[in-house]
Amino acid sequence: MWFFYLLFIIIFILLFSYMLAAVSLAPWVPACRRDLARVFALADLKSGETFYDLGCGNGRMVFYAAQNFDVKAFGIELALPMIIICKLRLFFHKNKNVVFRWQNLFKADLSRADVVYIFGLPEKLKNKISQKLKKDLKPGARVVSYAFKIAGWQPVEASKPEAKDVSIYLYHVI
């Protein structure tokens, strides 16, 4: 009987952390694989730069950045089930340029970031996240927002080749 109580507690903790992450930025919805090239074309990552994915989900963007560019790639995730998946993937892929942190993105130090990728809901991209990015990021850092604009920011470039494609926005921090 104690086993079922323990199982219930574990499931509750996992679901609660997933719900907390969804409320903080967005529920987990992975970016389309076909959009990876567009995201990183806008990001214009260069060798030696530092890439951050805020709300990294299963780590797809982080692994792509580290495997295709000579960069240090960080994934920040609040949902415990997703960070477990990321850590398991890292265990099997052994990439020294990939780091995952189970952390609230609002408490993360982003000062070393050259490029930040974010896929958040529009109401979450205004005010708190906007202020966090302005406060933490160094001048010249680039922010790539998938699907939604960051309220109050002016994109430097946008990518939407066809009507069916998702919009991707590039911002420069001044």
N, C-alpha and C. Protein backbone atom coordinates (compact mmCIF):
# COMPACT_ATOMS: atom_id res chain seq x y z
N MET A 1 0.81 -1.19 0.00
CA MET A 1 0.00 0.00 0.00
C MET A 1 0.87 1.27 0.00
N TRP A 2 1.98 1.26 0.75
CA TRP A 2 2.86 2.42 0.81
C TRP A 2 3.42 2.74 -0.57
N PHE A 3 3.58 1.70 -1.41
CA PHE A 3 4.10 1.90 -2.75
C PHE A 3 3.17 2.81 -3.57
N PHE A 4 1.87 2.64 -3.44
CA PHE A 4 0.92 3.46 -4.18
C PHE A 4 0.91 4.91 -3.70
N TYR A 5 1.10 5.10 -2.39
CA TYR A 5 1.20 6.45 -1.86
C TYR A 5 2.45 7.14 -2.39
N LEU A 6 3.55 6.42 -2.39
CA LEU A 6 4.80 6.95 -2.90
C LEU A 6 4.67 7.28 -4.39
N LEU A 7 4.08 6.39 -5.14
CA LEU A 7 3.86 6.60 -6.58
C LEU A 7 2.98 7.83 -6.80
N PHE A 8 1.93 7.96 -6.02
CA PHE A 8 1.03 9.11 -6.12
C PHE A 8 1.79 10.41 -5.84
N ILE A 9 2.61 10.43 -4.83
CA ILE A 9 3.38 11.62 -4.47
C ILE A 9 4.35 11.99 -5.59
N ILE A 10 5.02 11.00 -6.15
CA ILE A 10 5.96 11.25 -7.25
C ILE A 10 5.23 11.81 -8.47
N ILE A 11 4.12 11.21 -8.83
CA ILE A 11 3.34 11.69 -9.98
C ILE A 11 2.84 13.11 -9.73
N PHE A 12 2.37 13.37 -8.51
CA PHE A 12 1.89 14.71 -8.17
C PHE A 12 3.01 15.74 -8.31
N ILE A 13 4.18 15.43 -7.81
CA ILE A 13 5.32 16.36 -7.90
C ILE A 13 5.68 16.62 -9.36
N LEU A 14 5.73 15.58 -10.17
CA LEU A 14 6.06 15.75 -11.58
C LEU A 14 5.02 16.59 -12.31
N LEU A 15 3.76 16.30 -12.08
CA LEU A 15 2.69 17.06 -12.74
C LEU A 15 2.64 18.51 -12.25
N PHE A 16 2.86 18.71 -10.96
CA PHE A 16 2.87 20.07 -10.42
C PHE A 16 3.99 20.90 -11.03
N SER A 17 5.17 20.32 -11.18
CA SER A 17 6.28 21.07 -11.75
C SER A 17 6.01 21.38 -13.22
N TYR A 18 5.39 20.47 -13.94
CA TYR A 18 5.03 20.70 -15.34
C TYR A 18 4.01 21.83 -15.44
N MET A 19 3.01 21.82 -14.54
CA MET A 19 1.98 22.85 -14.53
C MET A 19 2.60 24.21 -14.18
N LEU A 20 3.50 24.24 -13.24
CA LEU A 20 4.17 25.48 -12.84
C LEU A 20 4.95 26.07 -14.01
N ALA A 21 5.64 25.23 -14.75
CA ALA A 21 6.40 25.69 -15.91
C ALA A 21 5.45 26.23 -16.99
N ALA A 22 4.33 25.57 -17.19
CA ALA A 22 3.36 26.01 -18.20
C ALA A 22 2.79 27.38 -17.85
N VAL A 23 2.56 27.62 -16.58
CA VAL A 23 2.02 28.90 -16.13
C VAL A 23 3.09 29.98 -16.20
N SER A 24 4.35 29.63 -15.98
CA SER A 24 5.45 30.58 -15.98
C SER A 24 5.74 31.16 -17.37
N LEU A 25 5.77 30.32 -18.40
CA LEU A 25 6.12 30.78 -19.75
C LEU A 25 5.17 30.22 -20.81
N ALA A 26 5.07 28.92 -20.87
CA ALA A 26 4.20 28.28 -21.86
C ALA A 26 4.16 26.78 -21.60
N PRO A 27 3.08 26.12 -22.00
CA PRO A 27 3.09 24.66 -21.92
C PRO A 27 4.09 24.13 -22.95
N TRP A 28 4.55 22.91 -22.74
CA TRP A 28 5.53 22.37 -23.67
C TRP A 28 4.88 22.05 -25.00
N VAL A 29 5.32 22.78 -26.00
CA VAL A 29 4.95 22.54 -27.40
C VAL A 29 6.25 22.68 -28.17
N PRO A 30 6.78 21.60 -28.69
CA PRO A 30 8.08 21.70 -29.36
C PRO A 30 8.00 22.48 -30.67
N ALA A 31 9.05 23.20 -30.99
CA ALA A 31 9.16 23.87 -32.28
C ALA A 31 9.28 22.80 -33.37
N CYS A 32 8.78 23.12 -34.54
CA CYS A 32 8.85 22.16 -35.66
C CYS A 32 10.31 21.95 -36.09
N ARG A 33 10.65 20.71 -36.35
CA ARG A 33 12.01 20.39 -36.79
C ARG A 33 12.39 21.16 -38.05
N ARG A 34 11.43 21.33 -38.93
CA ARG A 34 11.73 22.02 -40.20
C ARG A 34 12.08 23.49 -39.98
N ASP A 35 11.77 24.03 -38.81
CA ASP A 35 12.06 25.43 -38.52
C ASP A 35 13.43 25.64 -37.86
N LEU A 36 14.12 24.58 -37.51
CA LEU A 36 15.43 24.71 -36.85
C LEU A 36 16.40 25.53 -37.69
N ALA A 37 16.47 25.25 -38.97
CA ALA A 37 17.40 25.98 -39.84
C ALA A 37 17.07 27.47 -39.87
N ARG A 38 15.79 27.82 -39.92
CA ARG A 38 15.40 29.24 -39.92
C ARG A 38 15.74 29.92 -38.60
N VAL A 39 15.50 29.22 -37.49
CA VAL A 39 15.81 29.78 -36.17
C VAL A 39 17.29 30.11 -36.09
N PHE A 40 18.13 29.18 -36.49
CA PHE A 40 19.57 29.38 -36.35
C PHE A 40 20.16 30.27 -37.45
N ALA A 41 19.48 30.38 -38.58
CA ALA A 41 19.91 31.36 -39.58
C ALA A 41 19.71 32.78 -39.04
N LEU A 42 18.57 33.00 -38.37
CA LEU A 42 18.32 34.31 -37.75
C LEU A 42 19.29 34.56 -36.59
N ALA A 43 19.53 33.53 -35.79
CA ALA A 43 20.39 33.67 -34.61
C ALA A 43 21.82 34.02 -35.02
N ASP A 44 22.25 33.54 -36.18
CA ASP A 44 23.60 33.80 -36.69
C ASP A 44 24.67 33.49 -35.65
N LEU A 45 24.59 32.27 -35.08
CA LEU A 45 25.57 31.84 -34.07
C LEU A 45 26.96 31.76 -34.66
N LYS A 46 27.91 32.23 -33.89
CA LYS A 46 29.30 32.19 -34.29
C LYS A 46 30.10 31.34 -33.30
N SER A 47 31.18 30.79 -33.77
CA SER A 47 32.05 29.97 -32.93
C SER A 47 32.43 30.71 -31.66
N GLY A 48 32.33 30.00 -30.53
CA GLY A 48 32.71 30.57 -29.24
C GLY A 48 31.61 31.33 -28.52
N GLU A 49 30.47 31.51 -29.16
CA GLU A 49 29.38 32.23 -28.51
C GLU A 49 28.63 31.32 -27.53
N THR A 50 27.73 31.94 -26.78
CA THR A 50 26.95 31.22 -25.78
C THR A 50 25.47 31.34 -26.12
N PHE A 51 24.81 30.19 -26.18
CA PHE A 51 23.40 30.10 -26.56
C PHE A 51 22.57 29.65 -25.36
N TYR A 52 21.45 30.30 -25.14
CA TYR A 52 20.52 29.92 -24.07
C TYR A 52 19.14 29.65 -24.67
N ASP A 53 18.52 28.57 -24.24
CA ASP A 53 17.12 28.29 -24.57
C ASP A 53 16.34 28.37 -23.28
N LEU A 54 15.46 29.36 -23.18
CA LEU A 54 14.66 29.56 -21.98
C LEU A 54 13.37 28.76 -22.09
N GLY A 55 13.21 27.79 -21.20
CA GLY A 55 12.08 26.86 -21.30
C GLY A 55 12.40 25.83 -22.36
N CYS A 56 13.52 25.14 -22.18
CA CYS A 56 14.10 24.30 -23.24
C CYS A 56 13.34 23.03 -23.56
N GLY A 57 12.32 22.68 -22.78
CA GLY A 57 11.54 21.48 -23.09
C GLY A 57 12.40 20.24 -23.11
N ASN A 58 12.41 19.55 -24.25
CA ASN A 58 13.20 18.31 -24.36
C ASN A 58 14.63 18.55 -24.80
N GLY A 59 15.03 19.81 -24.95
CA GLY A 59 16.42 20.14 -25.27
C GLY A 59 16.77 20.17 -26.74
N ARG A 60 15.78 20.08 -27.62
CA ARG A 60 16.04 20.00 -29.07
C ARG A 60 16.91 21.16 -29.56
N MET A 61 16.57 22.39 -29.20
CA MET A 61 17.33 23.56 -29.66
C MET A 61 18.74 23.57 -29.08
N VAL A 62 18.88 23.18 -27.84
CA VAL A 62 20.18 23.18 -27.17
C VAL A 62 21.12 22.20 -27.85
N PHE A 63 20.63 20.98 -28.09
CA PHE A 63 21.47 19.98 -28.76
C PHE A 63 21.81 20.41 -30.18
N TYR A 64 20.85 20.98 -30.89
CA TYR A 64 21.09 21.43 -32.27
C TYR A 64 22.18 22.49 -32.29
N ALA A 65 22.09 23.46 -31.37
CA ALA A 65 23.09 24.53 -31.32
C ALA A 65 24.48 23.97 -31.06
N ALA A 66 24.59 23.08 -30.08
CA ALA A 66 25.90 22.53 -29.71
C ALA A 66 26.47 21.62 -30.79
N GLN A 67 25.61 20.87 -31.48
CA GLN A 67 26.09 19.93 -32.48
C GLN A 67 26.44 20.58 -33.81
N ASN A 68 25.79 21.70 -34.13
CA ASN A 68 25.98 22.31 -35.45
C ASN A 68 26.82 23.58 -35.43
N PHE A 69 27.12 24.08 -34.25
CA PHE A 69 27.92 25.30 -34.12
C PHE A 69 28.90 25.06 -32.97
N ASP A 70 30.00 25.72 -33.01
CA ASP A 70 31.00 25.58 -31.94
C ASP A 70 30.66 26.55 -30.82
N VAL A 71 29.56 26.24 -30.08
CA VAL A 71 29.07 27.14 -29.03
C VAL A 71 28.81 26.36 -27.75
N LYS A 72 28.78 27.08 -26.65
CA LYS A 72 28.33 26.53 -25.38
C LYS A 72 26.82 26.75 -25.35
N ALA A 73 26.05 25.70 -25.11
CA ALA A 73 24.59 25.79 -25.18
C ALA A 73 23.97 25.41 -23.84
N PHE A 74 23.14 26.30 -23.32
CA PHE A 74 22.48 26.11 -22.04
C PHE A 74 20.98 25.97 -22.24
N GLY A 75 20.39 25.03 -21.54
CA GLY A 75 18.95 24.89 -21.51
C GLY A 75 18.45 25.13 -20.10
N ILE A 76 17.48 26.03 -19.96
CA ILE A 76 16.87 26.33 -18.67
C ILE A 76 15.44 25.81 -18.72
N GLU A 77 15.08 24.97 -17.75
CA GLU A 77 13.74 24.37 -17.74
C GLU A 77 13.25 24.24 -16.31
N LEU A 78 11.96 24.53 -16.11
CA LEU A 78 11.36 24.46 -14.79
C LEU A 78 10.58 23.16 -14.57
N ALA A 79 10.09 22.56 -15.65
CA ALA A 79 9.30 21.33 -15.52
C ALA A 79 10.22 20.14 -15.27
N LEU A 80 10.06 19.52 -14.12
CA LEU A 80 10.92 18.40 -13.73
C LEU A 80 10.91 17.25 -14.74
N PRO A 81 9.75 16.83 -15.28
CA PRO A 81 9.79 15.75 -16.27
C PRO A 81 10.64 16.10 -17.50
N MET A 82 10.57 17.35 -17.94
CA MET A 82 11.33 17.75 -19.12
C MET A 82 12.83 17.81 -18.83
N ILE A 83 13.21 18.29 -17.67
CA ILE A 83 14.65 18.36 -17.35
C ILE A 83 15.22 16.96 -17.17
N ILE A 84 14.42 16.04 -16.69
CA ILE A 84 14.87 14.64 -16.59
C ILE A 84 15.12 14.09 -17.99
N ILE A 85 14.23 14.39 -18.92
CA ILE A 85 14.43 13.95 -20.31
C ILE A 85 15.71 14.55 -20.88
N CYS A 86 15.92 15.84 -20.64
CA CYS A 86 17.13 16.52 -21.12
C CYS A 86 18.40 15.87 -20.56
N LYS A 87 18.38 15.62 -19.26
CA LYS A 87 19.56 15.02 -18.61
C LYS A 87 19.81 13.60 -19.13
N LEU A 88 18.75 12.85 -19.37
CA LEU A 88 18.91 11.50 -19.94
C LEU A 88 19.48 11.58 -21.35
N ARG A 89 18.97 12.50 -22.15
CA ARG A 89 19.50 12.67 -23.51
C ARG A 89 20.98 13.05 -23.46
N LEU A 90 21.32 13.94 -22.53
CA LEU A 90 22.71 14.35 -22.40
C LEU A 90 23.60 13.19 -21.96
N PHE A 91 23.09 12.35 -21.07
CA PHE A 91 23.84 11.18 -20.61
C PHE A 91 24.20 10.28 -21.80
N PHE A 92 23.26 10.11 -22.73
CA PHE A 92 23.50 9.22 -23.87
C PHE A 92 24.24 9.90 -25.01
N HIS A 93 24.19 11.21 -25.11
CA HIS A 93 24.85 11.92 -26.20
C HIS A 93 26.18 12.55 -25.81
N LYS A 94 26.48 12.64 -24.54
CA LYS A 94 27.78 13.10 -24.03
C LYS A 94 28.36 14.28 -24.81
N ASN A 95 27.77 15.43 -24.66
CA ASN A 95 28.27 16.63 -25.32
C ASN A 95 28.74 17.62 -24.25
N LYS A 96 30.04 17.90 -24.22
CA LYS A 96 30.61 18.76 -23.18
C LYS A 96 30.19 20.22 -23.33
N ASN A 97 29.62 20.59 -24.47
CA ASN A 97 29.17 21.96 -24.69
C ASN A 97 27.70 22.19 -24.34
N VAL A 98 27.06 21.18 -23.78
CA VAL A 98 25.65 21.27 -23.42
C VAL A 98 25.50 21.23 -21.90
N VAL A 99 24.71 22.18 -21.38
CA VAL A 99 24.42 22.23 -19.95
C VAL A 99 22.92 22.46 -19.79
N PHE A 100 22.30 21.64 -18.95
CA PHE A 100 20.89 21.83 -18.63
C PHE A 100 20.76 22.19 -17.16
N ARG A 101 19.89 23.15 -16.89
CA ARG A 101 19.66 23.56 -15.51
C ARG A 101 18.17 23.50 -15.20
N TRP A 102 17.86 22.86 -14.07
CA TRP A 102 16.49 22.84 -13.56
C TRP A 102 16.34 24.11 -12.74
N GLN A 103 15.74 25.12 -13.36
CA GLN A 103 15.75 26.44 -12.76
C GLN A 103 14.61 27.29 -13.32
N ASN A 104 14.15 28.21 -12.51
CA ASN A 104 13.20 29.21 -12.96
C ASN A 104 13.98 30.20 -13.81
N LEU A 105 13.55 30.44 -15.03
CA LEU A 105 14.30 31.32 -15.93
C LEU A 105 14.44 32.73 -15.38
N PHE A 106 13.52 33.14 -14.51
CA PHE A 106 13.60 34.49 -13.94
C PHE A 106 14.70 34.60 -12.88
N LYS A 107 15.24 33.46 -12.46
CA LYS A 107 16.35 33.47 -11.50
C LYS A 107 17.68 33.11 -12.17
N ALA A 108 17.64 32.82 -13.44
CA ALA A 108 18.84 32.44 -14.17
C ALA A 108 19.68 33.68 -14.52
N ASP A 109 20.99 33.52 -14.50
CA ASP A 109 21.90 34.58 -14.90
C ASP A 109 22.13 34.46 -16.41
N LEU A 110 21.65 35.41 -17.17
CA LEU A 110 21.77 35.38 -18.62
C LEU A 110 22.85 36.31 -19.14
N SER A 111 23.67 36.85 -18.26
CA SER A 111 24.64 37.88 -18.64
C SER A 111 25.68 37.40 -19.64
N ARG A 112 25.94 36.09 -19.70
CA ARG A 112 26.93 35.57 -20.65
C ARG A 112 26.34 35.24 -22.02
N ALA A 113 25.02 35.33 -22.15
CA ALA A 113 24.35 34.92 -23.38
C ALA A 113 24.65 35.85 -24.55
N ASP A 114 24.98 35.25 -25.68
CA ASP A 114 25.10 35.99 -26.93
C ASP A 114 23.79 35.87 -27.71
N VAL A 115 23.16 34.69 -27.59
CA VAL A 115 21.87 34.44 -28.25
C VAL A 115 20.95 33.76 -27.25
N VAL A 116 19.71 34.26 -27.18
CA VAL A 116 18.68 33.65 -26.35
C VAL A 116 17.53 33.27 -27.26
N TYR A 117 17.10 32.03 -27.15
CA TYR A 117 15.93 31.54 -27.88
C TYR A 117 14.79 31.37 -26.89
N ILE A 118 13.60 31.81 -27.30
CA ILE A 118 12.45 31.69 -26.43
C ILE A 118 11.20 31.38 -27.25
N PHE A 119 10.40 30.48 -26.73
CA PHE A 119 9.12 30.13 -27.33
C PHE A 119 8.09 30.22 -26.20
N GLY A 120 7.55 31.42 -26.02
CA GLY A 120 6.61 31.66 -24.94
C GLY A 120 5.32 32.25 -25.46
N LEU A 121 4.31 32.18 -24.64
CA LEU A 121 3.02 32.76 -25.00
C LEU A 121 3.10 34.28 -25.00
N PRO A 122 2.31 34.95 -25.85
CA PRO A 122 2.40 36.41 -25.96
C PRO A 122 2.24 37.15 -24.64
N GLU A 123 1.30 36.74 -23.81
CA GLU A 123 1.10 37.45 -22.54
C GLU A 123 2.27 37.25 -21.58
N LYS A 124 3.04 36.17 -21.78
CA LYS A 124 4.22 35.92 -20.93
C LYS A 124 5.45 36.66 -21.47
N LEU A 125 5.42 37.00 -22.77
CA LEU A 125 6.57 37.66 -23.38
C LEU A 125 6.60 39.16 -23.13
N LYS A 126 5.54 39.69 -22.56
CA LYS A 126 5.57 41.11 -22.24
C LYS A 126 5.90 41.27 -20.76
N ASN A 127 6.22 42.46 -20.38
CA ASN A 127 6.52 42.83 -19.00
C ASN A 127 7.64 42.02 -18.37
N LYS A 128 7.32 40.95 -17.62
CA LYS A 128 8.32 40.27 -16.79
C LYS A 128 9.48 39.70 -17.60
N ILE A 129 9.18 38.95 -18.67
CA ILE A 129 10.27 38.35 -19.45
C ILE A 129 11.02 39.43 -20.23
N SER A 130 10.28 40.41 -20.72
CA SER A 130 10.90 41.52 -21.44
C SER A 130 11.87 42.26 -20.52
N GLN A 131 11.45 42.54 -19.31
CA GLN A 131 12.30 43.23 -18.34
C GLN A 131 13.52 42.38 -17.97
N LYS A 132 13.32 41.08 -17.82
CA LYS A 132 14.42 40.17 -17.49
C LYS A 132 15.49 40.20 -18.59
N LEU A 133 15.05 40.12 -19.83
CA LEU A 133 15.99 40.13 -20.95
C LEU A 133 16.74 41.46 -21.04
N LYS A 134 16.02 42.57 -20.89
CA LYS A 134 16.65 43.89 -20.96
C LYS A 134 17.66 44.08 -19.84
N LYS A 135 17.32 43.58 -18.66
CA LYS A 135 18.20 43.74 -17.50
C LYS A 135 19.45 42.87 -17.59
N ASP A 136 19.30 41.61 -18.01
CA ASP A 136 20.39 40.65 -17.97
C ASP A 136 21.30 40.64 -19.20
N LEU A 137 20.73 40.87 -20.37
CA LEU A 137 21.52 40.67 -21.59
C LEU A 137 22.44 41.85 -21.87
N LYS A 138 23.60 41.51 -22.39
CA LYS A 138 24.59 42.53 -22.74
C LYS A 138 24.21 43.18 -24.08
N PRO A 139 24.67 44.39 -24.31
CA PRO A 139 24.41 45.03 -25.59
C PRO A 139 24.96 44.18 -26.74
N GLY A 140 24.18 44.06 -27.78
CA GLY A 140 24.58 43.25 -28.93
C GLY A 140 24.07 41.82 -28.88
N ALA A 141 23.55 41.40 -27.73
CA ALA A 141 22.99 40.05 -27.64
C ALA A 141 21.77 39.97 -28.56
N ARG A 142 21.51 38.76 -29.04
CA ARG A 142 20.39 38.55 -29.94
C ARG A 142 19.34 37.68 -29.26
N VAL A 143 18.09 38.01 -29.51
CA VAL A 143 16.97 37.23 -28.97
C VAL A 143 16.15 36.74 -30.15
N VAL A 144 15.90 35.44 -30.18
CA VAL A 144 15.07 34.84 -31.22
C VAL A 144 13.80 34.35 -30.54
N SER A 145 12.67 34.86 -31.01
CA SER A 145 11.37 34.46 -30.46
C SER A 145 10.61 33.66 -31.52
N TYR A 146 10.20 32.48 -31.13
CA TYR A 146 9.51 31.58 -32.04
C TYR A 146 8.01 31.81 -31.91
N ALA A 147 7.35 32.08 -33.01
CA ALA A 147 5.90 32.17 -33.14
C ALA A 147 5.29 33.49 -32.69
N PHE A 148 5.80 34.10 -31.63
CA PHE A 148 5.16 35.30 -31.10
C PHE A 148 6.17 36.43 -30.93
N LYS A 149 5.69 37.66 -31.19
CA LYS A 149 6.51 38.84 -30.98
C LYS A 149 6.64 39.14 -29.50
N ILE A 150 7.71 39.81 -29.15
CA ILE A 150 7.88 40.29 -27.78
C ILE A 150 7.28 41.70 -27.74
N ALA A 151 6.24 41.85 -26.93
CA ALA A 151 5.52 43.12 -26.86
C ALA A 151 6.45 44.26 -26.48
N GLY A 152 6.36 45.35 -27.23
CA GLY A 152 7.17 46.53 -26.94
C GLY A 152 8.55 46.51 -27.57
N TRP A 153 8.93 45.41 -28.20
CA TRP A 153 10.23 45.31 -28.86
C TRP A 153 10.01 45.38 -30.37
N GLN A 154 10.98 45.92 -31.07
CA GLN A 154 10.90 46.02 -32.52
C GLN A 154 11.83 44.97 -33.14
N PRO A 155 11.27 43.98 -33.86
CA PRO A 155 12.16 42.97 -34.46
C PRO A 155 13.07 43.59 -35.53
N VAL A 156 14.30 43.10 -35.55
CA VAL A 156 15.27 43.52 -36.56
C VAL A 156 14.98 42.78 -37.86
N GLU A 157 14.51 41.55 -37.69
CA GLU A 157 14.21 40.70 -38.85
C GLU A 157 13.14 39.70 -38.45
N ALA A 158 12.36 39.28 -39.43
CA ALA A 158 11.35 38.25 -39.21
C ALA A 158 11.43 37.26 -40.36
N SER A 159 11.14 36.01 -40.04
CA SER A 159 11.16 34.96 -41.06
C SER A 159 9.81 34.27 -41.10
N LYS A 160 9.17 34.34 -42.25
CA LYS A 160 7.91 33.64 -42.50
C LYS A 160 7.82 33.46 -44.02
N PRO A 161 8.58 32.50 -44.56
CA PRO A 161 8.67 32.33 -46.00
C PRO A 161 7.33 32.11 -46.70
N GLU A 162 6.44 31.34 -46.08
CA GLU A 162 5.14 31.06 -46.67
C GLU A 162 4.06 31.26 -45.61
N ALA A 163 2.84 31.43 -46.05
CA ALA A 163 1.73 31.67 -45.13
C ALA A 163 1.57 30.56 -44.10
N LYS A 164 1.87 29.34 -44.48
CA LYS A 164 1.71 28.20 -43.56
C LYS A 164 2.83 28.11 -42.52
N ASP A 165 3.91 28.84 -42.73
CA ASP A 165 5.06 28.78 -41.82
C ASP A 165 4.82 29.61 -40.56
N VAL A 166 5.47 29.19 -39.49
CA VAL A 166 5.44 29.91 -38.22
C VAL A 166 6.37 31.11 -38.32
N SER A 167 5.95 32.23 -37.76
CA SER A 167 6.82 33.41 -37.74
C SER A 167 7.93 33.22 -36.72
N ILE A 168 9.12 33.70 -37.06
CA ILE A 168 10.25 33.69 -36.14
C ILE A 168 10.83 35.11 -36.17
N TYR A 169 11.07 35.67 -34.99
CA TYR A 169 11.49 37.06 -34.87
C TYR A 169 12.88 37.16 -34.26
N LEU A 170 13.67 38.07 -34.80
CA LEU A 170 15.01 38.35 -34.28
C LEU A 170 15.03 39.76 -33.70
N TYR A 171 15.59 39.87 -32.49
CA TYR A 171 15.75 41.16 -31.81
C TYR A 171 17.20 41.32 -31.42
N HIS A 172 17.67 42.56 -31.41
CA HIS A 172 19.00 42.89 -30.91
C HIS A 172 18.83 43.71 -29.64
N VAL A 173 19.62 43.39 -28.64
CA VAL A 173 19.59 44.15 -27.39
C VAL A 173 20.51 45.35 -27.57
N ILE A 174 19.99 46.50 -27.22
CA ILE A 174 20.76 47.75 -27.38
C ILE A 174 21.40 48.11 -26.07
